[in-house]
Amino acid sequence: KEDKLPSVRELSSHLAINPNTISRAYRDLEMQGY
């Protein structure tokens, strides 16, 4: 708890995928309360 996750830009760069995909995952996890 309280650990900081990588930014959308950092994670999309690391995984070499579209930032919108990371944003969607983060949005869904936020809606679920994680």
PDB file of all heavy atoms in Angstrom:
ATOM      1  N   LYS A   1       0.847  -1.192   0.000  1.00  0.00           N
ATOM      2  CA  LYS A   1       0.000   0.000   0.000  1.00  0.00           C
ATOM      3  C   LYS A   1       0.883   1.243   0.000  1.00  0.00           C
ATOM      4  O   LYS A   1       1.968   1.250   0.597  1.00  0.00           O
ATOM      5  CB  LYS A   1      -0.953   0.004   1.193  1.00  0.00           C
ATOM      6  CG  LYS A   1      -0.291   0.045   2.540  1.00  0.00           C
ATOM      7  CD  LYS A   1      -1.327  -0.021   3.635  1.00  0.00           C
ATOM      8  CE  LYS A   1      -0.617  -0.066   4.989  1.00  0.00           C
ATOM      9  NZ  LYS A   1      -1.540  -0.150   6.076  1.00  0.00           N
ATOM     10  N   GLU A   2       0.434   2.220  -0.745  1.00  0.00           N
ATOM     11  CA  GLU A   2       1.115   3.506  -0.920  1.00  0.00           C
ATOM     12  C   GLU A   2       2.346   3.443  -1.824  1.00  0.00           C
ATOM     13  O   GLU A   2       2.989   4.460  -2.038  1.00  0.00           O
ATOM     14  CB  GLU A   2       1.487   4.150   0.431  1.00  0.00           C
ATOM     15  CG  GLU A   2       0.322   4.346   1.370  1.00  0.00           C
ATOM     16  CD  GLU A   2      -0.821   5.179   0.788  1.00  0.00           C
ATOM     17  OE1 GLU A   2      -0.564   6.135   0.044  1.00  0.00           O
ATOM     18  OE2 GLU A   2      -1.983   4.855   1.081  1.00  0.00           O
ATOM     19  N   ASP A   3       2.698   2.272  -2.379  1.00  0.00           N
ATOM     20  CA  ASP A   3       3.784   2.206  -3.351  1.00  0.00           C
ATOM     21  C   ASP A   3       3.365   2.952  -4.616  1.00  0.00           C
ATOM     22  O   ASP A   3       2.211   2.864  -5.054  1.00  0.00           O
ATOM     23  CB  ASP A   3       4.122   0.761  -3.733  1.00  0.00           C
ATOM     24  CG  ASP A   3       4.997   0.051  -2.714  1.00  0.00           C
ATOM     25  OD1 ASP A   3       5.465   0.710  -1.765  1.00  0.00           O
ATOM     26  OD2 ASP A   3       5.200  -1.168  -2.877  1.00  0.00           O
ATOM     27  N   LYS A   4       4.301   3.658  -5.199  1.00  0.00           N
ATOM     28  CA  LYS A   4       4.033   4.397  -6.424  1.00  0.00           C
ATOM     29  C   LYS A   4       4.232   3.490  -7.628  1.00  0.00           C
ATOM     30  O   LYS A   4       5.231   2.778  -7.710  1.00  0.00           O
ATOM     31  CB  LYS A   4       4.940   5.616  -6.524  1.00  0.00           C
ATOM     32  CG  LYS A   4       4.621   6.494  -7.697  1.00  0.00           C
ATOM     33  CD  LYS A   4       5.466   7.753  -7.717  1.00  0.00           C
ATOM     34  CE  LYS A   4       5.017   8.579  -8.910  1.00  0.00           C
ATOM     35  NZ  LYS A   4       5.883   9.689  -9.184  1.00  0.00           N
ATOM     36  N   LEU A   5       3.268   3.530  -8.534  1.00  0.00           N
ATOM     37  CA  LEU A   5       3.368   2.773  -9.779  1.00  0.00           C
ATOM     38  C   LEU A   5       4.103   3.614 -10.826  1.00  0.00           C
ATOM     39  O   LEU A   5       4.120   4.847 -10.730  1.00  0.00           O
ATOM     40  CB  LEU A   5       1.975   2.420 -10.301  1.00  0.00           C
ATOM     41  CG  LEU A   5       1.141   1.496  -9.424  1.00  0.00           C
ATOM     42  CD1 LEU A   5      -0.243   1.321 -10.016  1.00  0.00           C
ATOM     43  CD2 LEU A   5       1.802   0.159  -9.261  1.00  0.00           C
ATOM     44  N   PRO A   6       4.676   2.971 -11.830  1.00  0.00           N
ATOM     45  CA  PRO A   6       5.310   3.738 -12.899  1.00  0.00           C
ATOM     46  C   PRO A   6       4.269   4.615 -13.603  1.00  0.00           C
ATOM     47  O   PRO A   6       3.086   4.251 -13.661  1.00  0.00           O
ATOM     48  CB  PRO A   6       5.843   2.679 -13.858  1.00  0.00           C
ATOM     49  CG  PRO A   6       5.693   1.375 -13.180  1.00  0.00           C
ATOM     50  CD  PRO A   6       4.749   1.535 -12.048  1.00  0.00           C
ATOM     51  N   SER A   7       4.694   5.732 -14.133  1.00  0.00           N
ATOM     52  CA  SER A   7       3.767   6.581 -14.880  1.00  0.00           C
ATOM     53  C   SER A   7       3.310   5.836 -16.130  1.00  0.00           C
ATOM     54  O   SER A   7       3.942   4.862 -16.563  1.00  0.00           O
ATOM     55  CB  SER A   7       4.440   7.898 -15.268  1.00  0.00           C
ATOM     56  OG  SER A   7       5.403   7.664 -16.270  1.00  0.00           O
ATOM     57  N   VAL A   8       2.227   6.312 -16.709  1.00  0.00           N
ATOM     58  CA  VAL A   8       1.724   5.712 -17.950  1.00  0.00           C
ATOM     59  C   VAL A   8       2.816   5.746 -19.010  1.00  0.00           C
ATOM     60  O   VAL A   8       3.070   4.754 -19.696  1.00  0.00           O
ATOM     61  CB  VAL A   8       0.456   6.456 -18.435  1.00  0.00           C
ATOM     62  CG1 VAL A   8       0.087   6.030 -19.843  1.00  0.00           C
ATOM     63  CG2 VAL A   8      -0.698   6.215 -17.475  1.00  0.00           C
ATOM     64  N   ARG A   9       3.483   6.863 -19.120  1.00  0.00           N
ATOM     65  CA  ARG A   9       4.543   7.015 -20.124  1.00  0.00           C
ATOM     66  C   ARG A   9       5.694   6.045 -19.862  1.00  0.00           C
ATOM     67  O   ARG A   9       6.199   5.396 -20.778  1.00  0.00           O
ATOM     68  CB  ARG A   9       5.052   8.452 -20.125  1.00  0.00           C
ATOM     69  CG  ARG A   9       6.024   8.718 -21.246  1.00  0.00           C
ATOM     70  CD  ARG A   9       6.429  10.167 -21.297  1.00  0.00           C
ATOM     71  NE  ARG A   9       5.243  10.967 -21.604  1.00  0.00           N
ATOM     72  CZ  ARG A   9       5.152  12.260 -21.382  1.00  0.00           C
ATOM     73  NH1 ARG A   9       6.156  12.912 -20.848  1.00  0.00           N
ATOM     74  NH2 ARG A   9       4.059  12.917 -21.698  1.00  0.00           N
ATOM     75  N   GLU A  10       6.119   5.945 -18.604  1.00  0.00           N
ATOM     76  CA  GLU A  10       7.224   5.032 -18.262  1.00  0.00           C
ATOM     77  C   GLU A  10       6.874   3.588 -18.586  1.00  0.00           C
ATOM     78  O   GLU A  10       7.669   2.861 -19.185  1.00  0.00           O
ATOM     79  CB  GLU A  10       7.565   5.132 -16.774  1.00  0.00           C
ATOM     80  CG  GLU A  10       8.216   6.403 -16.340  1.00  0.00           C
ATOM     81  CD  GLU A  10       8.301   6.522 -14.825  1.00  0.00           C
ATOM     82  OE1 GLU A  10       7.524   5.873 -14.092  1.00  0.00           O
ATOM     83  OE2 GLU A  10       9.161   7.295 -14.372  1.00  0.00           O
ATOM     84  N   LEU A  11       5.679   3.168 -18.162  1.00  0.00           N
ATOM     85  CA  LEU A  11       5.286   1.775 -18.371  1.00  0.00           C
ATOM     86  C   LEU A  11       5.060   1.469 -19.848  1.00  0.00           C
ATOM     87  O   LEU A  11       5.455   0.403 -20.329  1.00  0.00           O
ATOM     88  CB  LEU A  11       4.038   1.437 -17.549  1.00  0.00           C
ATOM     89  CG  LEU A  11       3.683  -0.033 -17.437  1.00  0.00           C
ATOM     90  CD1 LEU A  11       4.849  -0.869 -16.921  1.00  0.00           C
ATOM     91  CD2 LEU A  11       2.465  -0.217 -16.530  1.00  0.00           C
ATOM     92  N   SER A  12       4.462   2.402 -20.577  1.00  0.00           N
ATOM     93  CA  SER A  12       4.250   2.155 -22.007  1.00  0.00           C
ATOM     94  C   SER A  12       5.586   2.071 -22.740  1.00  0.00           C
ATOM     95  O   SER A  12       5.750   1.268 -23.652  1.00  0.00           O
ATOM     96  CB  SER A  12       3.352   3.217 -22.630  1.00  0.00           C
ATOM     97  OG  SER A  12       4.022   4.435 -22.772  1.00  0.00           O
ATOM     98  N   SER A  13       6.543   2.881 -22.325  1.00  0.00           N
ATOM     99  CA  SER A  13       7.881   2.831 -22.933  1.00  0.00           C
ATOM    100  C   SER A  13       8.577   1.516 -22.593  1.00  0.00           C
ATOM    101  O   SER A  13       9.164   0.867 -23.458  1.00  0.00           O
ATOM    102  CB  SER A  13       8.715   4.007 -22.431  1.00  0.00           C
ATOM    103  OG  SER A  13      10.026   3.918 -22.899  1.00  0.00           O
ATOM    104  N   HIS A  14       8.484   1.112 -21.325  1.00  0.00           N
ATOM    105  CA  HIS A  14       9.113  -0.138 -20.878  1.00  0.00           C
ATOM    106  C   HIS A  14       8.529  -1.358 -21.592  1.00  0.00           C
ATOM    107  O   HIS A  14       9.258  -2.269 -21.980  1.00  0.00           O
ATOM    108  CB  HIS A  14       8.948  -0.271 -19.362  1.00  0.00           C
ATOM    109  CG  HIS A  14       9.446  -1.570 -18.808  1.00  0.00           C
ATOM    110  ND1 HIS A  14      10.792  -1.869 -18.694  1.00  0.00           N
ATOM    111  CD2 HIS A  14       8.778  -2.664 -18.357  1.00  0.00           C
ATOM    112  CE1 HIS A  14      10.924  -3.077 -18.188  1.00  0.00           C
ATOM    113  NE2 HIS A  14       9.712  -3.585 -17.980  1.00  0.00           N
ATOM    114  N   LEU A  15       7.195  -1.379 -21.748  1.00  0.00           N
ATOM    115  CA  LEU A  15       6.533  -2.527 -22.364  1.00  0.00           C
ATOM    116  C   LEU A  15       6.416  -2.390 -23.883  1.00  0.00           C
ATOM    117  O   LEU A  15       5.997  -3.335 -24.553  1.00  0.00           O
ATOM    118  CB  LEU A  15       5.137  -2.724 -21.767  1.00  0.00           C
ATOM    119  CG  LEU A  15       5.080  -3.066 -20.281  1.00  0.00           C
ATOM    120  CD1 LEU A  15       3.624  -3.098 -19.795  1.00  0.00           C
ATOM    121  CD2 LEU A  15       5.755  -4.390 -19.997  1.00  0.00           C
ATOM    122  N   ALA A  16       6.747  -1.213 -24.398  1.00  0.00           N
ATOM    123  CA  ALA A  16       6.654  -0.927 -25.835  1.00  0.00           C
ATOM    124  C   ALA A  16       5.237  -1.131 -26.357  1.00  0.00           C
ATOM    125  O   ALA A  16       5.011  -1.808 -27.370  1.00  0.00           O
ATOM    126  CB  ALA A  16       7.660  -1.759 -26.625  1.00  0.00           C
ATOM    127  N   ILE A  17       4.269  -0.578 -25.618  1.00  0.00           N
ATOM    128  CA  ILE A  17       2.877  -0.626 -26.067  1.00  0.00           C
ATOM    129  C   ILE A  17       2.263   0.763 -25.944  1.00  0.00           C
ATOM    130  O   ILE A  17       2.813   1.650 -25.292  1.00  0.00           O
ATOM    131  CB  ILE A  17       2.034  -1.676 -25.296  1.00  0.00           C
ATOM    132  CG1 ILE A  17       2.016  -1.380 -23.811  1.00  0.00           C
ATOM    133  CG2 ILE A  17       2.511  -3.063 -25.561  1.00  0.00           C
ATOM    134  CD1 ILE A  17       1.103  -2.312 -23.034  1.00  0.00           C
ATOM    135  N   ASN A  18       1.124   0.946 -26.544  1.00  0.00           N
ATOM    136  CA  ASN A  18       0.449   2.232 -26.603  1.00  0.00           C
ATOM    137  C   ASN A  18       0.106   2.745 -25.197  1.00  0.00           C
ATOM    138  O   ASN A  18      -0.432   1.992 -24.383  1.00  0.00           O
ATOM    139  CB  ASN A  18      -0.829   2.058 -27.431  1.00  0.00           C
ATOM    140  CG  ASN A  18      -1.496   3.350 -27.768  1.00  0.00           C
ATOM    141  OD1 ASN A  18      -1.681   4.207 -26.912  1.00  0.00           O
ATOM    142  ND2 ASN A  18      -1.863   3.487 -29.036  1.00  0.00           N
ATOM    143  N   PRO A  19       0.378   4.028 -24.919  1.00  0.00           N
ATOM    144  CA  PRO A  19       0.040   4.600 -23.611  1.00  0.00           C
ATOM    145  C   PRO A  19      -1.455   4.514 -23.279  1.00  0.00           C
ATOM    146  O   PRO A  19      -1.832   4.415 -22.109  1.00  0.00           O
ATOM    147  CB  PRO A  19       0.482   6.066 -23.723  1.00  0.00           C
ATOM    148  CG  PRO A  19       1.452   6.105 -24.828  1.00  0.00           C
ATOM    149  CD  PRO A  19       1.101   4.982 -25.760  1.00  0.00           C
ATOM    150  N   ASN A  20      -2.309   4.532 -24.303  1.00  0.00           N
ATOM    151  CA  ASN A  20      -3.754   4.413 -24.054  1.00  0.00           C
ATOM    152  C   ASN A  20      -4.107   3.071 -23.423  1.00  0.00           C
ATOM    153  O   ASN A  20      -5.045   2.971 -22.634  1.00  0.00           O
ATOM    154  CB  ASN A  20      -4.546   4.602 -25.346  1.00  0.00           C
ATOM    155  CG  ASN A  20      -4.460   6.012 -25.862  1.00  0.00           C
ATOM    156  OD1 ASN A  20      -4.316   6.965 -25.093  1.00  0.00           O
ATOM    157  ND2 ASN A  20      -4.520   6.167 -27.184  1.00  0.00           N
ATOM    158  N   THR A  21      -3.356   2.044 -23.764  1.00  0.00           N
ATOM    159  CA  THR A  21      -3.576   0.718 -23.188  1.00  0.00           C
ATOM    160  C   THR A  21      -3.249   0.729 -21.702  1.00  0.00           C
ATOM    161  O   THR A  21      -4.003   0.182 -20.887  1.00  0.00           O
ATOM    162  CB  THR A  21      -2.703  -0.330 -23.916  1.00  0.00           C
ATOM    163  OG1 THR A  21      -3.014  -0.293 -25.310  1.00  0.00           O
ATOM    164  CG2 THR A  21      -2.930  -1.728 -23.378  1.00  0.00           C
ATOM    165  N   ILE A  22      -2.155   1.373 -21.337  1.00  0.00           N
ATOM    166  CA  ILE A  22      -1.775   1.496 -19.921  1.00  0.00           C
ATOM    167  C   ILE A  22      -2.806   2.335 -19.188  1.00  0.00           C
ATOM    168  O   ILE A  22      -3.239   1.979 -18.089  1.00  0.00           O
ATOM    169  CB  ILE A  22      -0.371   2.134 -19.777  1.00  0.00           C
ATOM    170  CG1 ILE A  22       0.687   1.386 -20.595  1.00  0.00           C
ATOM    171  CG2 ILE A  22       0.020   2.245 -18.304  1.00  0.00           C
ATOM    172  CD1 ILE A  22       0.909  -0.038 -20.212  1.00  0.00           C
ATOM    173  N   SER A  23      -3.226   3.429 -19.794  1.00  0.00           N
ATOM    174  CA  SER A  23      -4.233   4.300 -19.175  1.00  0.00           C
ATOM    175  C   SER A  23      -5.519   3.541 -18.889  1.00  0.00           C
ATOM    176  O   SER A  23      -6.116   3.706 -17.823  1.00  0.00           O
ATOM    177  CB  SER A  23      -4.545   5.499 -20.077  1.00  0.00           C
ATOM    178  OG  SER A  23      -3.456   6.353 -20.167  1.00  0.00           O
ATOM    179  N   ARG A  24      -5.925   2.715 -19.841  1.00  0.00           N
ATOM    180  CA  ARG A  24      -7.154   1.939 -19.641  1.00  0.00           C
ATOM    181  C   ARG A  24      -6.998   0.958 -18.478  1.00  0.00           C
ATOM    182  O   ARG A  24      -7.893   0.811 -17.645  1.00  0.00           O
ATOM    183  CB  ARG A  24      -7.526   1.200 -20.916  1.00  0.00           C
ATOM    184  CG  ARG A  24      -8.805   0.425 -20.767  1.00  0.00           C
ATOM    185  CD  ARG A  24      -9.301  -0.128 -22.059  1.00  0.00           C
ATOM    186  NE  ARG A  24     -10.538  -0.860 -21.834  1.00  0.00           N
ATOM    187  CZ  ARG A  24     -11.143  -1.573 -22.755  1.00  0.00           C
ATOM    188  NH1 ARG A  24     -10.656  -1.614 -23.982  1.00  0.00           N
ATOM    189  NH2 ARG A  24     -12.238  -2.227 -22.477  1.00  0.00           N
ATOM    190  N   ALA A  25      -5.851   0.288 -18.423  1.00  0.00           N
ATOM    191  CA  ALA A  25      -5.607  -0.658 -17.330  1.00  0.00           C
ATOM    192  C   ALA A  25      -5.617   0.075 -15.989  1.00  0.00           C
ATOM    193  O   ALA A  25      -6.249  -0.379 -15.030  1.00  0.00           O
ATOM    194  CB  ALA A  25      -4.273  -1.380 -17.535  1.00  0.00           C
ATOM    195  N   TYR A  26      -4.934   1.204 -15.914  1.00  0.00           N
ATOM    196  CA  TYR A  26      -4.908   1.988 -14.680  1.00  0.00           C
ATOM    197  C   TYR A  26      -6.315   2.467 -14.304  1.00  0.00           C
ATOM    198  O   TYR A  26      -6.705   2.421 -13.147  1.00  0.00           O
ATOM    199  CB  TYR A  26      -3.962   3.183 -14.827  1.00  0.00           C
ATOM    200  CG  TYR A  26      -2.497   2.893 -14.574  1.00  0.00           C
ATOM    201  CD1 TYR A  26      -1.985   1.597 -14.575  1.00  0.00           C
ATOM    202  CD2 TYR A  26      -1.601   3.928 -14.351  1.00  0.00           C
ATOM    203  CE1 TYR A  26      -0.639   1.344 -14.354  1.00  0.00           C
ATOM    204  CE2 TYR A  26      -0.250   3.687 -14.128  1.00  0.00           C
ATOM    205  CZ  TYR A  26       0.220   2.405 -14.124  1.00  0.00           C
ATOM    206  OH  TYR A  26       1.552   2.155 -13.890  1.00  0.00           O
ATOM    207  N   ARG A  27      -7.071   2.930 -15.296  1.00  0.00           N
ATOM    208  CA  ARG A  27      -8.437   3.406 -15.037  1.00  0.00           C
ATOM    209  C   ARG A  27      -9.309   2.273 -14.471  1.00  0.00           C
ATOM    210  O   ARG A  27     -10.038   2.459 -13.498  1.00  0.00           O
ATOM    211  CB  ARG A  27      -9.037   3.978 -16.322  1.00  0.00           C
ATOM    212  CG  ARG A  27     -10.400   4.603 -16.139  1.00  0.00           C
ATOM    213  CD  ARG A  27     -10.937   5.256 -17.418  1.00  0.00           C
ATOM    214  NE  ARG A  27     -10.928   4.357 -18.566  1.00  0.00           N
ATOM    215  CZ  ARG A  27     -10.141   4.490 -19.624  1.00  0.00           C
ATOM    216  NH1 ARG A  27      -9.284   5.478 -19.694  1.00  0.00           N
ATOM    217  NH2 ARG A  27     -10.206   3.631 -20.627  1.00  0.00           N
ATOM    218  N   ASP A  28      -9.202   1.094 -15.077  1.00  0.00           N
ATOM    219  CA  ASP A  28      -9.995  -0.046 -14.603  1.00  0.00           C
ATOM    220  C   ASP A  28      -9.586  -0.447 -13.186  1.00  0.00           C
ATOM    221  O   ASP A  28     -10.444  -0.721 -12.338  1.00  0.00           O
ATOM    222  CB  ASP A  28      -9.843  -1.247 -15.545  1.00  0.00           C
ATOM    223  CG  ASP A  28     -10.537  -1.028 -16.896  1.00  0.00           C
ATOM    224  OD1 ASP A  28     -11.294  -0.045 -17.029  1.00  0.00           O
ATOM    225  OD2 ASP A  28     -10.296  -1.843 -17.809  1.00  0.00           O
ATOM    226  N   LEU A  29      -8.293  -0.479 -12.915  1.00  0.00           N
ATOM    227  CA  LEU A  29      -7.815  -0.830 -11.572  1.00  0.00           C
ATOM    228  C   LEU A  29      -8.240   0.217 -10.547  1.00  0.00           C
ATOM    229  O   LEU A  29      -8.539  -0.115  -9.399  1.00  0.00           O
ATOM    230  CB  LEU A  29      -6.295  -0.991 -11.568  1.00  0.00           C
ATOM    231  CG  LEU A  29      -5.760  -2.255 -12.232  1.00  0.00           C
ATOM    232  CD1 LEU A  29      -4.257  -2.156 -12.438  1.00  0.00           C
ATOM    233  CD2 LEU A  29      -6.105  -3.487 -11.407  1.00  0.00           C
ATOM    234  N   GLU A  30      -8.281   1.467 -10.970  1.00  0.00           N
ATOM    235  CA  GLU A  30      -8.733   2.524 -10.065  1.00  0.00           C
ATOM    236  C   GLU A  30     -10.221   2.367  -9.764  1.00  0.00           C
ATOM    237  O   GLU A  30     -10.638   2.496  -8.606  1.00  0.00           O
ATOM    238  CB  GLU A  30      -8.464   3.896 -10.687  1.00  0.00           C
ATOM    239  CG  GLU A  30      -8.770   5.044  -9.757  1.00  0.00           C
ATOM    240  CD  GLU A  30      -8.392   6.388 -10.326  1.00  0.00           C
ATOM    241  OE1 GLU A  30      -8.181   6.513 -11.554  1.00  0.00           O
ATOM    242  OE2 GLU A  30      -8.305   7.336  -9.525  1.00  0.00           O
ATOM    243  N   MET A  31     -11.012   2.028 -10.770  1.00  0.00           N
ATOM    244  CA  MET A  31     -12.450   1.811 -10.560  1.00  0.00           C
ATOM    245  C   MET A  31     -12.688   0.611  -9.640  1.00  0.00           C
ATOM    246  O   MET A  31     -13.660   0.598  -8.882  1.00  0.00           O
ATOM    247  CB  MET A  31     -13.160   1.609 -11.897  1.00  0.00           C
ATOM    248  CG  MET A  31     -13.277   2.895 -12.681  1.00  0.00           C
ATOM    249  SD  MET A  31     -14.021   2.781 -14.337  1.00  0.00           S
ATOM    250  CE  MET A  31     -14.856   1.248 -14.405  1.00  0.00           C
ATOM    251  N   GLN A  32     -11.804  -0.381  -9.691  1.00  0.00           N
ATOM    252  CA  GLN A  32     -11.930  -1.566  -8.841  1.00  0.00           C
ATOM    253  C   GLN A  32     -11.405  -1.309  -7.437  1.00  0.00           C
ATOM    254  O   GLN A  32     -11.586  -2.128  -6.547  1.00  0.00           O
ATOM    255  CB  GLN A  32     -11.179  -2.743  -9.468  1.00  0.00           C
ATOM    256  CG  GLN A  32     -11.741  -3.196 -10.792  1.00  0.00           C
ATOM    257  CD  GLN A  32     -10.801  -4.121 -11.539  1.00  0.00           C
ATOM    258  OE1 GLN A  32      -9.874  -4.695 -10.980  1.00  0.00           O
ATOM    259  NE2 GLN A  32     -11.028  -4.265 -12.840  1.00  0.00           N
ATOM    260  N   GLY A  33     -10.686  -0.195  -7.237  1.00  0.00           N
ATOM    261  CA  GLY A  33     -10.194   0.169  -5.921  1.00  0.00           C
ATOM    262  C   GLY A  33      -8.797  -0.321  -5.585  1.00  0.00           C
ATOM    263  O   GLY A  33      -8.346  -0.160  -4.457  1.00  0.00           O
ATOM    264  N   TYR A  34      -8.086  -0.872  -6.539  1.00  0.00           N
ATOM    265  CA  TYR A  34      -6.733  -1.376  -6.277  1.00  0.00           C
ATOM    266  C   TYR A  34      -5.693  -0.262  -6.253  1.00  0.00           C
ATOM    267  O   TYR A  34      -4.682  -0.371  -5.572  1.00  0.00           O
ATOM    268  CB  TYR A  34      -6.325  -2.425  -7.325  1.00  0.00           C
ATOM    269  CG  TYR A  34      -7.016  -3.751  -7.136  1.00  0.00           C
ATOM    270  CD1 TYR A  34      -8.203  -4.040  -7.785  1.00  0.00           C
ATOM    271  CD2 TYR A  34      -6.483  -4.718  -6.284  1.00  0.00           C
ATOM    272  CE1 TYR A  34      -8.842  -5.253  -7.606  1.00  0.00           C
ATOM    273  CE2 TYR A  34      -7.108  -5.936  -6.099  1.00  0.00           C
ATOM    274  CZ  TYR A  34      -8.292  -6.194  -6.764  1.00  0.00           C
ATOM    275  OH  TYR A  34      -8.921  -7.383  -6.577  1.00  0.00           O
TER     276      TYR A  34
END
